[in-house]
Amino acid sequence: MIEARQIQEKRYKGIRGVHCNAQMNAKLLRKICVLDEACNAILKNAMEKLGLSARAFDRILKVARTIADIDKQPDIRAEHLAEAIQYRSLDRDNWGK
């Protein structure tokens, strides 16, 4: 986890007000969280099936980017995206309440 945070600090060095993935704005999100064709298809499918909002889309990308950082991967992979979508589904179901 500490290494993931260091990756993020390095990534956002010089960007005012951004120190971690959660702080990305929409423009930075599109630049940092570039998805391949398979990941785009997974995310599109999840958005349609779960009826997620644009805000949820952004949150999923931020979480997927963090999961990829924990995994020490330079790019978001399908498994990172799938895990982030699962977390969002649990959140929507008020899991743990």
PDB file of N, CA and C in Angstrom:
ATOM      1  N   MET A   1       0.821  -1.194   0.000  1.00  0.00           N
ATOM      2  CA  MET A   1       0.000   0.000   0.000  1.00  0.00           C
ATOM      3  C   MET A   1       0.866   1.258   0.000  1.00  0.00           C
ATOM      4  N   ILE A   2       1.941   1.227   0.764  1.00  0.00           N
ATOM      5  CA  ILE A   2       2.829   2.389   0.815  1.00  0.00           C
ATOM      6  C   ILE A   2       3.437   2.630  -0.562  1.00  0.00           C
ATOM      7  N   GLU A   3       3.805   1.551  -1.242  1.00  0.00           N
ATOM      8  CA  GLU A   3       4.388   1.690  -2.573  1.00  0.00           C
ATOM      9  C   GLU A   3       3.381   2.278  -3.558  1.00  0.00           C
ATOM     10  N   ALA A   4       2.119   1.892  -3.437  1.00  0.00           N
ATOM     11  CA  ALA A   4       1.078   2.441  -4.316  1.00  0.00           C
ATOM     12  C   ALA A   4       0.946   3.944  -4.100  1.00  0.00           C
ATOM     13  N   ARG A   5       1.023   4.364  -2.854  1.00  0.00           N
ATOM     14  CA  ARG A   5       0.926   5.791  -2.541  1.00  0.00           C
ATOM     15  C   ARG A   5       2.128   6.541  -3.112  1.00  0.00           C
ATOM     16  N   GLN A   6       3.298   5.922  -3.058  1.00  0.00           N
ATOM     17  CA  GLN A   6       4.502   6.537  -3.620  1.00  0.00           C
ATOM     18  C   GLN A   6       4.395   6.663  -5.140  1.00  0.00           C
ATOM     19  N   ILE A   7       3.817   5.655  -5.774  1.00  0.00           N
ATOM     20  CA  ILE A   7       3.588   5.700  -7.222  1.00  0.00           C
ATOM     21  C   ILE A   7       2.703   6.891  -7.561  1.00  0.00           C
ATOM     22  N   GLN A   8       1.657   7.074  -6.783  1.00  0.00           N
ATOM     23  CA  GLN A   8       0.725   8.174  -7.023  1.00  0.00           C
ATOM     24  C   GLN A   8       1.387   9.526  -6.779  1.00  0.00           C
ATOM     25  N   GLU A   9       2.158   9.640  -5.718  1.00  0.00           N
ATOM     26  CA  GLU A   9       2.845  10.903  -5.440  1.00  0.00           C
ATOM     27  C   GLU A   9       3.775  11.278  -6.592  1.00  0.00           C
ATOM     28  N   LYS A  10       4.472  10.281  -7.125  1.00  0.00           N
ATOM     29  CA  LYS A  10       5.363  10.519  -8.257  1.00  0.00           C
ATOM     30  C   LYS A  10       4.564  10.925  -9.502  1.00  0.00           C
ATOM     31  N   ARG A  11       3.456  10.228  -9.746  1.00  0.00           N
ATOM     32  CA  ARG A  11       2.623  10.503 -10.918  1.00  0.00           C
ATOM     33  C   ARG A  11       2.097  11.941 -10.910  1.00  0.00           C
ATOM     34  N   TYR A  12       1.703  12.420  -9.755  1.00  0.00           N
ATOM     35  CA  TYR A  12       1.054  13.728  -9.667  1.00  0.00           C
ATOM     36  C   TYR A  12       1.988  14.849  -9.231  1.00  0.00           C
ATOM     37  N   LYS A  13       3.289  14.544  -9.158  1.00  0.00           N
ATOM     38  CA  LYS A  13       4.258  15.570  -8.786  1.00  0.00           C
ATOM     39  C   LYS A  13       4.155  16.733  -9.769  1.00  0.00           C
ATOM     40  N   GLY A  14       4.018  17.915  -9.236  1.00  0.00           N
ATOM     41  CA  GLY A  14       3.925  19.105 -10.082  1.00  0.00           C
ATOM     42  C   GLY A  14       2.506  19.474 -10.483  1.00  0.00           C
ATOM     43  N   ILE A  15       1.539  18.635 -10.125  1.00  0.00           N
ATOM     44  CA  ILE A  15       0.136  18.956 -10.427  1.00  0.00           C
ATOM     45  C   ILE A  15      -0.482  19.503  -9.145  1.00  0.00           C
ATOM     46  N   ARG A  16      -0.802  20.750  -9.157  1.00  0.00           N
ATOM     47  CA  ARG A  16      -1.293  21.440  -7.965  1.00  0.00           C
ATOM     48  C   ARG A  16      -2.611  20.840  -7.463  1.00  0.00           C
ATOM     49  N   GLY A  17      -2.632  20.524  -6.175  1.00  0.00           N
ATOM     50  CA  GLY A  17      -3.845  20.043  -5.535  1.00  0.00           C
ATOM     51  C   GLY A  17      -4.166  18.571  -5.747  1.00  0.00           C
ATOM     52  N   VAL A  18      -3.273  17.866  -6.447  1.00  0.00           N
ATOM     53  CA  VAL A  18      -3.507  16.441  -6.690  1.00  0.00           C
ATOM     54  C   VAL A  18      -2.304  15.661  -6.165  1.00  0.00           C
ATOM     55  N   HIS A  19      -2.584  14.767  -5.222  1.00  0.00           N
ATOM     56  CA  HIS A  19      -1.531  13.955  -4.627  1.00  0.00           C
ATOM     57  C   HIS A  19      -1.840  12.460  -4.718  1.00  0.00           C
ATOM     58  N   CYS A  20      -3.108  12.137  -5.028  1.00  0.00           N
ATOM     59  CA  CYS A  20      -3.506  10.733  -5.119  1.00  0.00           C
ATOM     60  C   CYS A  20      -4.623  10.592  -6.152  1.00  0.00           C
ATOM     61  N   ASN A  21      -4.942   9.361  -6.510  1.00  0.00           N
ATOM     62  CA  ASN A  21      -5.941   9.098  -7.547  1.00  0.00           C
ATOM     63  C   ASN A  21      -7.305   9.690  -7.223  1.00  0.00           C
ATOM     64  N   ALA A  22      -7.682   9.673  -5.975  1.00  0.00           N
ATOM     65  CA  ALA A  22      -9.003  10.175  -5.578  1.00  0.00           C
ATOM     66  C   ALA A  22      -9.187  11.653  -5.895  1.00  0.00           C
ATOM     67  N   GLN A  23      -8.113  12.391  -6.034  1.00  0.00           N
ATOM     68  CA  GLN A  23      -8.186  13.834  -6.249  1.00  0.00           C
ATOM     69  C   GLN A  23      -8.194  14.235  -7.726  1.00  0.00           C
ATOM     70  N   MET A  24      -8.152  13.272  -8.617  1.00  0.00           N
ATOM     71  CA  MET A  24      -8.138  13.602 -10.047  1.00  0.00           C
ATOM     72  C   MET A  24      -9.440  14.264 -10.482  1.00  0.00           C
ATOM     73  N   ASN A  25      -9.323  15.292 -11.329  1.00  0.00           N
ATOM     74  CA  ASN A  25     -10.511  15.868 -11.954  1.00  0.00           C
ATOM     75  C   ASN A  25     -10.797  15.086 -13.242  1.00  0.00           C
ATOM     76  N   ALA A  26     -11.891  15.416 -13.900  1.00  0.00           N
ATOM     77  CA  ALA A  26     -12.314  14.657 -15.082  1.00  0.00           C
ATOM     78  C   ALA A  26     -11.265  14.677 -16.197  1.00  0.00           C
ATOM     79  N   LYS A  27     -10.651  15.827 -16.432  1.00  0.00           N
ATOM     80  CA  LYS A  27      -9.658  15.947 -17.497  1.00  0.00           C
ATOM     81  C   LYS A  27      -8.437  15.076 -17.207  1.00  0.00           C
ATOM     82  N   LEU A  28      -7.959  15.117 -15.979  1.00  0.00           N
ATOM     83  CA  LEU A  28      -6.810  14.317 -15.591  1.00  0.00           C
ATOM     84  C   LEU A  28      -7.156  12.829 -15.596  1.00  0.00           C
ATOM     85  N   LEU A  29      -8.373  12.522 -15.203  1.00  0.00           N
ATOM     86  CA  LEU A  29      -8.843  11.134 -15.190  1.00  0.00           C
ATOM     87  C   LEU A  29      -8.750  10.526 -16.584  1.00  0.00           C
ATOM     88  N   ARG A  30      -9.174  11.273 -17.598  1.00  0.00           N
ATOM     89  CA  ARG A  30      -9.146  10.773 -18.978  1.00  0.00           C
ATOM     90  C   ARG A  30      -7.707  10.588 -19.472  1.00  0.00           C
ATOM     91  N   LYS A  31      -6.806  11.419 -18.957  1.00  0.00           N
ATOM     92  CA  LYS A  31      -5.397  11.333 -19.363  1.00  0.00           C
ATOM     93  C   LYS A  31      -4.690  10.161 -18.675  1.00  0.00           C
ATOM     94  N   ILE A  32      -4.956   9.956 -17.399  1.00  0.00           N
ATOM     95  CA  ILE A  32      -4.259   8.952 -16.598  1.00  0.00           C
ATOM     96  C   ILE A  32      -4.872   7.556 -16.756  1.00  0.00           C
ATOM     97  N   CYS A  33      -6.185   7.492 -16.863  1.00  0.00           N
ATOM     98  CA  CYS A  33      -6.892   6.202 -16.871  1.00  0.00           C
ATOM     99  C   CYS A  33      -7.315   5.801 -18.276  1.00  0.00           C
ATOM    100  N   VAL A  34      -6.349   5.618 -19.133  1.00  0.00           N
ATOM    101  CA  VAL A  34      -6.617   5.193 -20.506  1.00  0.00           C
ATOM    102  C   VAL A  34      -6.886   3.691 -20.490  1.00  0.00           C
ATOM    103  N   LEU A  35      -7.994   3.295 -21.104  1.00  0.00           N
ATOM    104  CA  LEU A  35      -8.398   1.885 -21.103  1.00  0.00           C
ATOM    105  C   LEU A  35      -8.221   1.278 -22.492  1.00  0.00           C
ATOM    106  N   ASP A  36      -7.884   0.001 -22.514  1.00  0.00           N
ATOM    107  CA  ASP A  36      -7.828  -0.694 -23.799  1.00  0.00           C
ATOM    108  C   ASP A  36      -9.252  -1.088 -24.205  1.00  0.00           C
ATOM    109  N   GLU A  37      -9.378  -1.690 -25.352  1.00  0.00           N
ATOM    110  CA  GLU A  37     -10.693  -2.033 -25.897  1.00  0.00           C
ATOM    111  C   GLU A  37     -11.478  -2.982 -24.983  1.00  0.00           C
ATOM    112  N   ALA A  38     -10.801  -3.974 -24.436  1.00  0.00           N
ATOM    113  CA  ALA A  38     -11.462  -4.945 -23.553  1.00  0.00           C
ATOM    114  C   ALA A  38     -11.981  -4.268 -22.290  1.00  0.00           C
ATOM    115  N   CYS A  39     -11.174  -3.399 -21.721  1.00  0.00           N
ATOM    116  CA  CYS A  39     -11.591  -2.683 -20.501  1.00  0.00           C
ATOM    117  C   CYS A  39     -12.768  -1.741 -20.792  1.00  0.00           C
ATOM    118  N   ASN A  40     -12.718  -1.076 -21.934  1.00  0.00           N
ATOM    119  CA  ASN A  40     -13.833  -0.207 -22.316  1.00  0.00           C
ATOM    120  C   ASN A  40     -15.128  -1.001 -22.428  1.00  0.00           C
ATOM    121  N   ALA A  41     -15.049  -2.189 -23.002  1.00  0.00           N
ATOM    122  CA  ALA A  41     -16.235  -3.037 -23.147  1.00  0.00           C
ATOM    123  C   ALA A  41     -16.761  -3.480 -21.783  1.00  0.00           C
ATOM    124  N   ILE A  42     -15.871  -3.855 -20.888  1.00  0.00           N
ATOM    125  CA  ILE A  42     -16.276  -4.263 -19.533  1.00  0.00           C
ATOM    126  C   ILE A  42     -16.981  -3.114 -18.823  1.00  0.00           C
ATOM    127  N   LEU A  43     -16.388  -1.934 -18.896  1.00  0.00           N
ATOM    128  CA  LEU A  43     -16.961  -0.782 -18.207  1.00  0.00           C
ATOM    129  C   LEU A  43     -18.299  -0.366 -18.822  1.00  0.00           C
ATOM    130  N   LYS A  44     -18.385  -0.394 -20.124  1.00  0.00           N
ATOM    131  CA  LYS A  44     -19.645  -0.047 -20.792  1.00  0.00           C
ATOM    132  C   LYS A  44     -20.748  -1.022 -20.393  1.00  0.00           C
ATOM    133  N   ASN A  45     -20.421  -2.297 -20.371  1.00  0.00           N
ATOM    134  CA  ASN A  45     -21.385  -3.321 -19.980  1.00  0.00           C
ATOM    135  C   ASN A  45     -21.863  -3.111 -18.542  1.00  0.00           C
ATOM    136  N   ALA A  46     -20.925  -2.834 -17.653  1.00  0.00           N
ATOM    137  CA  ALA A  46     -21.271  -2.604 -16.246  1.00  0.00           C
ATOM    138  C   ALA A  46     -22.149  -1.361 -16.099  1.00  0.00           C
ATOM    139  N   MET A  47     -21.824  -0.326 -16.836  1.00  0.00           N
ATOM    140  CA  MET A  47     -22.617   0.918 -16.755  1.00  0.00           C
ATOM    141  C   MET A  47     -24.062   0.653 -17.173  1.00  0.00           C
ATOM    142  N   GLU A  48     -24.232  -0.109 -18.242  1.00  0.00           N
ATOM    143  CA  GLU A  48     -25.572  -0.400 -18.744  1.00  0.00           C
ATOM    144  C   GLU A  48     -26.336  -1.335 -17.804  1.00  0.00           C
ATOM    145  N   LYS A  49     -25.694  -2.419 -17.387  1.00  0.00           N
ATOM    146  CA  LYS A  49     -26.378  -3.414 -16.555  1.00  0.00           C
ATOM    147  C   LYS A  49     -26.685  -2.907 -15.148  1.00  0.00           C
ATOM    148  N   LEU A  50     -25.788  -2.102 -14.601  1.00  0.00           N
ATOM    149  CA  LEU A  50     -25.974  -1.614 -13.232  1.00  0.00           C
ATOM    150  C   LEU A  50     -26.627  -0.236 -13.186  1.00  0.00           C
ATOM    151  N   GLY A  51     -26.803   0.380 -14.351  1.00  0.00           N
ATOM    152  CA  GLY A  51     -27.423   1.699 -14.394  1.00  0.00           C
ATOM    153  C   GLY A  51     -26.618   2.749 -13.639  1.00  0.00           C
ATOM    154  N   LEU A  52     -25.320   2.739 -13.859  1.00  0.00           N
ATOM    155  CA  LEU A  52     -24.446   3.646 -13.123  1.00  0.00           C
ATOM    156  C   LEU A  52     -24.391   5.032 -13.761  1.00  0.00           C
ATOM    157  N   SER A  53     -24.148   6.012 -12.939  1.00  0.00           N
ATOM    158  CA  SER A  53     -24.062   7.404 -13.386  1.00  0.00           C
ATOM    159  C   SER A  53     -22.653   7.740 -13.872  1.00  0.00           C
ATOM    160  N   ALA A  54     -22.509   8.922 -14.450  1.00  0.00           N
ATOM    161  CA  ALA A  54     -21.193   9.394 -14.879  1.00  0.00           C
ATOM    162  C   ALA A  54     -20.267   9.543 -13.669  1.00  0.00           C
ATOM    163  N   ARG A  55     -20.819   9.939 -12.563  1.00  0.00           N
ATOM    164  CA  ARG A  55     -20.031  10.069 -11.337  1.00  0.00           C
ATOM    165  C   ARG A  55     -19.502   8.694 -10.895  1.00  0.00           C
ATOM    166  N   ALA A  56     -20.343   7.683 -10.991  1.00  0.00           N
ATOM    167  CA  ALA A  56     -19.924   6.323 -10.648  1.00  0.00           C
ATOM    168  C   ALA A  56     -18.836   5.846 -11.606  1.00  0.00           C
ATOM    169  N   PHE A  57     -18.965   6.197 -12.874  1.00  0.00           N
ATOM    170  CA  PHE A  57     -17.963   5.865 -13.886  1.00  0.00           C
ATOM    171  C   PHE A  57     -16.597   6.399 -13.457  1.00  0.00           C
ATOM    172  N   ASP A  58     -16.558   7.670 -13.069  1.00  0.00           N
ATOM    173  CA  ASP A  58     -15.311   8.289 -12.628  1.00  0.00           C
ATOM    174  C   ASP A  58     -14.757   7.604 -11.384  1.00  0.00           C
ATOM    175  N   ARG A  59     -15.611   7.300 -10.449  1.00  0.00           N
ATOM    176  CA  ARG A  59     -15.166   6.640  -9.217  1.00  0.00           C
ATOM    177  C   ARG A  59     -14.590   5.254  -9.499  1.00  0.00           C
ATOM    178  N   ILE A  60     -15.228   4.529 -10.388  1.00  0.00           N
ATOM    179  CA  ILE A  60     -14.727   3.194 -10.755  1.00  0.00           C
ATOM    180  C   ILE A  60     -13.343   3.304 -11.376  1.00  0.00           C
ATOM    181  N   LEU A  61     -13.154   4.278 -12.257  1.00  0.00           N
ATOM    182  CA  LEU A  61     -11.841   4.461 -12.872  1.00  0.00           C
ATOM    183  C   LEU A  61     -10.769   4.804 -11.839  1.00  0.00           C
ATOM    184  N   LYS A  62     -11.104   5.658 -10.885  1.00  0.00           N
ATOM    185  CA  LYS A  62     -10.141   6.030  -9.840  1.00  0.00           C
ATOM    186  C   LYS A  62      -9.766   4.821  -8.986  1.00  0.00           C
ATOM    187  N   VAL A  63     -10.754   4.021  -8.636  1.00  0.00           N
ATOM    188  CA  VAL A  63     -10.489   2.828  -7.828  1.00  0.00           C
ATOM    189  C   VAL A  63      -9.682   1.814  -8.641  1.00  0.00           C
ATOM    190  N   ALA A  64     -10.019   1.642  -9.900  1.00  0.00           N
ATOM    191  CA  ALA A  64      -9.275   0.715 -10.760  1.00  0.00           C
ATOM    192  C   ALA A  64      -7.818   1.158 -10.900  1.00  0.00           C
ATOM    193  N   ARG A  65      -7.598   2.469 -11.031  1.00  0.00           N
ATOM    194  CA  ARG A  65      -6.235   2.996 -11.125  1.00  0.00           C
ATOM    195  C   ARG A  65      -5.470   2.695  -9.833  1.00  0.00           C
ATOM    196  N   THR A  66      -6.140   2.818  -8.694  1.00  0.00           N
ATOM    197  CA  THR A  66      -5.511   2.530  -7.405  1.00  0.00           C
ATOM    198  C   THR A  66      -5.188   1.046  -7.282  1.00  0.00           C
ATOM    199  N   ILE A  67      -6.096   0.198  -7.711  1.00  0.00           N
ATOM    200  CA  ILE A  67      -5.855  -1.250  -7.674  1.00  0.00           C
ATOM    201  C   ILE A  67      -4.656  -1.596  -8.562  1.00  0.00           C
ATOM    202  N   ALA A  68      -4.573  -0.979  -9.733  1.00  0.00           N
ATOM    203  CA  ALA A  68      -3.426  -1.201 -10.617  1.00  0.00           C
ATOM    204  C   ALA A  68      -2.139  -0.721  -9.955  1.00  0.00           C
ATOM    205  N   ASP A  69      -2.195   0.384  -9.229  1.00  0.00           N
ATOM    206  CA  ASP A  69      -1.010   0.877  -8.514  1.00  0.00           C
ATOM    207  C   ASP A  69      -0.581  -0.111  -7.433  1.00  0.00           C
ATOM    208  N   ILE A  70      -1.534  -0.642  -6.703  1.00  0.00           N
ATOM    209  CA  ILE A  70      -1.225  -1.644  -5.674  1.00  0.00           C
ATOM    210  C   ILE A  70      -0.576  -2.868  -6.320  1.00  0.00           C
ATOM    211  N   ASP A  71      -1.054  -3.219  -7.519  1.00  0.00           N
ATOM    212  CA  ASP A  71      -0.528  -4.352  -8.277  1.00  0.00           C
ATOM    213  C   ASP A  71       0.767  -3.993  -9.024  1.00  0.00           C
ATOM    214  N   LYS A  72       1.202  -2.746  -8.885  1.00  0.00           N
ATOM    215  CA  LYS A  72       2.419  -2.219  -9.518  1.00  0.00           C
ATOM    216  C   LYS A  72       2.377  -2.335 -11.042  1.00  0.00           C
ATOM    217  N   GLN A  73       1.203  -2.066 -11.598  1.00  0.00           N
ATOM    218  CA  GLN A  73       1.017  -2.132 -13.044  1.00  0.00           C
ATOM    219  C   GLN A  73       0.868  -0.720 -13.617  1.00  0.00           C
ATOM    220  N   PRO A  74       1.533  -0.448 -14.728  1.00  0.00           N
ATOM    221  CA  PRO A  74       1.436   0.889 -15.318  1.00  0.00           C
ATOM    222  C   PRO A  74       0.079   1.187 -15.969  1.00  0.00           C
ATOM    223  N   ASP A  75      -0.630   0.132 -16.351  1.00  0.00           N
ATOM    224  CA  ASP A  75      -1.920   0.305 -17.019  1.00  0.00           C
ATOM    225  C   ASP A  75      -3.019  -0.407 -16.244  1.00  0.00           C
ATOM    226  N   ILE A  76      -4.228   0.094 -16.380  1.00  0.00           N
ATOM    227  CA  ILE A  76      -5.392  -0.565 -15.790  1.00  0.00           C
ATOM    228  C   ILE A  76      -5.711  -1.781 -16.644  1.00  0.00           C
ATOM    229  N   ARG A  77      -5.801  -2.927 -16.013  1.00  0.00           N
ATOM    230  CA  ARG A  77      -6.138  -4.173 -16.703  1.00  0.00           C
ATOM    231  C   ARG A  77      -7.585  -4.550 -16.407  1.00  0.00           C
ATOM    232  N   ALA A  78      -8.073  -5.511 -17.152  1.00  0.00           N
ATOM    233  CA  ALA A  78      -9.456  -5.961 -16.992  1.00  0.00           C
ATOM    234  C   ALA A  78      -9.748  -6.397 -15.560  1.00  0.00           C
ATOM    235  N   GLU A  79      -8.800  -7.104 -14.926  1.00  0.00           N
ATOM    236  CA  GLU A  79      -9.029  -7.576 -13.560  1.00  0.00           C
ATOM    237  C   GLU A  79      -9.099  -6.425 -12.558  1.00  0.00           C
ATOM    238  N   HIS A  80      -8.364  -5.350 -12.810  1.00  0.00           N
ATOM    239  CA  HIS A  80      -8.436  -4.183 -11.923  1.00  0.00           C
ATOM    240  C   HIS A  80      -9.805  -3.510 -12.042  1.00  0.00           C
ATOM    241  N   LEU A  81     -10.251  -3.405 -13.266  1.00  0.00           N
ATOM    242  CA  LEU A  81     -11.549  -2.790 -13.520  1.00  0.00           C
ATOM    243  C   LEU A  81     -12.677  -3.633 -12.940  1.00  0.00           C
ATOM    244  N   ALA A  82     -12.600  -4.938 -13.122  1.00  0.00           N
ATOM    245  CA  ALA A  82     -13.629  -5.840 -12.590  1.00  0.00           C
ATOM    246  C   ALA A  82     -13.698  -5.750 -11.070  1.00  0.00           C
ATOM    247  N   GLU A  83     -12.554  -5.671 -10.428  1.00  0.00           N
ATOM    248  CA  GLU A  83     -12.532  -5.548  -8.964  1.00  0.00           C
ATOM    249  C   GLU A  83     -13.159  -4.224  -8.522  1.00  0.00           C
ATOM    250  N   ALA A  84     -12.841  -3.158  -9.216  1.00  0.00           N
ATOM    251  CA  ALA A  84     -13.412  -1.847  -8.883  1.00  0.00           C
ATOM    252  C   ALA A  84     -14.928  -1.849  -9.073  1.00  0.00           C
ATOM    253  N   ILE A  85     -15.400  -2.497 -10.109  1.00  0.00           N
ATOM    254  CA  ILE A  85     -16.849  -2.590 -10.357  1.00  0.00           C
ATOM    255  C   ILE A  85     -17.515  -3.390  -9.239  1.00  0.00           C
ATOM    256  N   GLN A  86     -16.861  -4.446  -8.792  1.00  0.00           N
ATOM    257  CA  GLN A  86     -17.419  -5.240  -7.682  1.00  0.00           C
ATOM    258  C   GLN A  86     -17.553  -4.385  -6.426  1.00  0.00           C
ATOM    259  N   TYR A  87     -16.545  -3.588  -6.139  1.00  0.00           N
ATOM    260  CA  TYR A  87     -16.619  -2.718  -4.960  1.00  0.00           C
ATOM    261  C   TYR A  87     -17.773  -1.730  -5.099  1.00  0.00           C
ATOM    262  N   ARG A  88     -17.958  -1.206  -6.294  1.00  0.00           N
ATOM    263  CA  ARG A  88     -19.064  -0.255  -6.528  1.00  0.00           C
ATOM    264  C   ARG A  88     -20.412  -0.959  -6.348  1.00  0.00           C
ATOM    265  N   SER A  89     -20.510  -2.195  -6.799  1.00  0.00           N
ATOM    266  CA  SER A  89     -21.749  -2.958  -6.636  1.00  0.00           C
ATOM    267  C   SER A  89     -22.047  -3.191  -5.163  1.00  0.00           C
ATOM    268  N   LEU A  90     -21.020  -3.499  -4.387  1.00  0.00           N
ATOM    269  CA  LEU A  90     -21.209  -3.694  -2.940  1.00  0.00           C
ATOM    270  C   LEU A  90     -21.675  -2.396  -2.303  1.00  0.00           C
ATOM    271  N   ASP A  91     -21.099  -1.291  -2.718  1.00  0.00           N
ATOM    272  CA  ASP A  91     -21.474   0.018  -2.180  1.00  0.00           C
ATOM    273  C   ASP A  91     -22.928   0.332  -2.483  1.00  0.00           C
ATOM    274  N   ARG A  92     -23.359   0.022  -3.684  1.00  0.00           N
ATOM    275  CA  ARG A  92     -24.753   0.288  -4.094  1.00  0.00           C
ATOM    276  C   ARG A  92     -25.736  -0.567  -3.308  1.00  0.00           C
ATOM    277  N   ASP A  93     -25.311  -1.761  -2.943  1.00  0.00           N
ATOM    278  CA  ASP A  93     -26.185  -2.670  -2.197  1.00  0.00           C
ATOM    279  C   ASP A  93     -26.162  -2.385  -0.700  1.00  0.00           C
ATOM    280  N   ASN A  94     -25.473  -1.301  -0.315  1.00  0.00           N
ATOM    281  CA  ASN A  94     -25.321  -0.945   1.097  1.00  0.00           C
ATOM    282  C   ASN A  94     -24.753  -2.105   1.893  1.00  0.00           C
ATOM    283  N   TRP A  95     -23.760  -2.754   1.325  1.00  0.00           N
ATOM    284  CA  TRP A  95     -23.119  -3.895   1.927  1.00  0.00           C
ATOM    285  C   TRP A  95     -22.590  -3.533   3.303  1.00  0.00           C
ATOM    286  N   GLY A  96     -22.789  -4.401   4.239  1.00  0.00           N
ATOM    287  CA  GLY A  96     -22.269  -4.188   5.568  1.00  0.00           C
ATOM    288  C   GLY A  96     -23.193  -3.402   6.497  1.00  0.00           C
ATOM    289  N   LYS A  97     -24.371  -3.037   6.025  1.00  0.00           N
ATOM    290  CA  LYS A  97     -25.308  -2.277   6.872  1.00  0.00           C
ATOM    291  C   LYS A  97     -26.385  -3.180   7.399  1.00  0.00           C
TER     292      LYS A  97
END
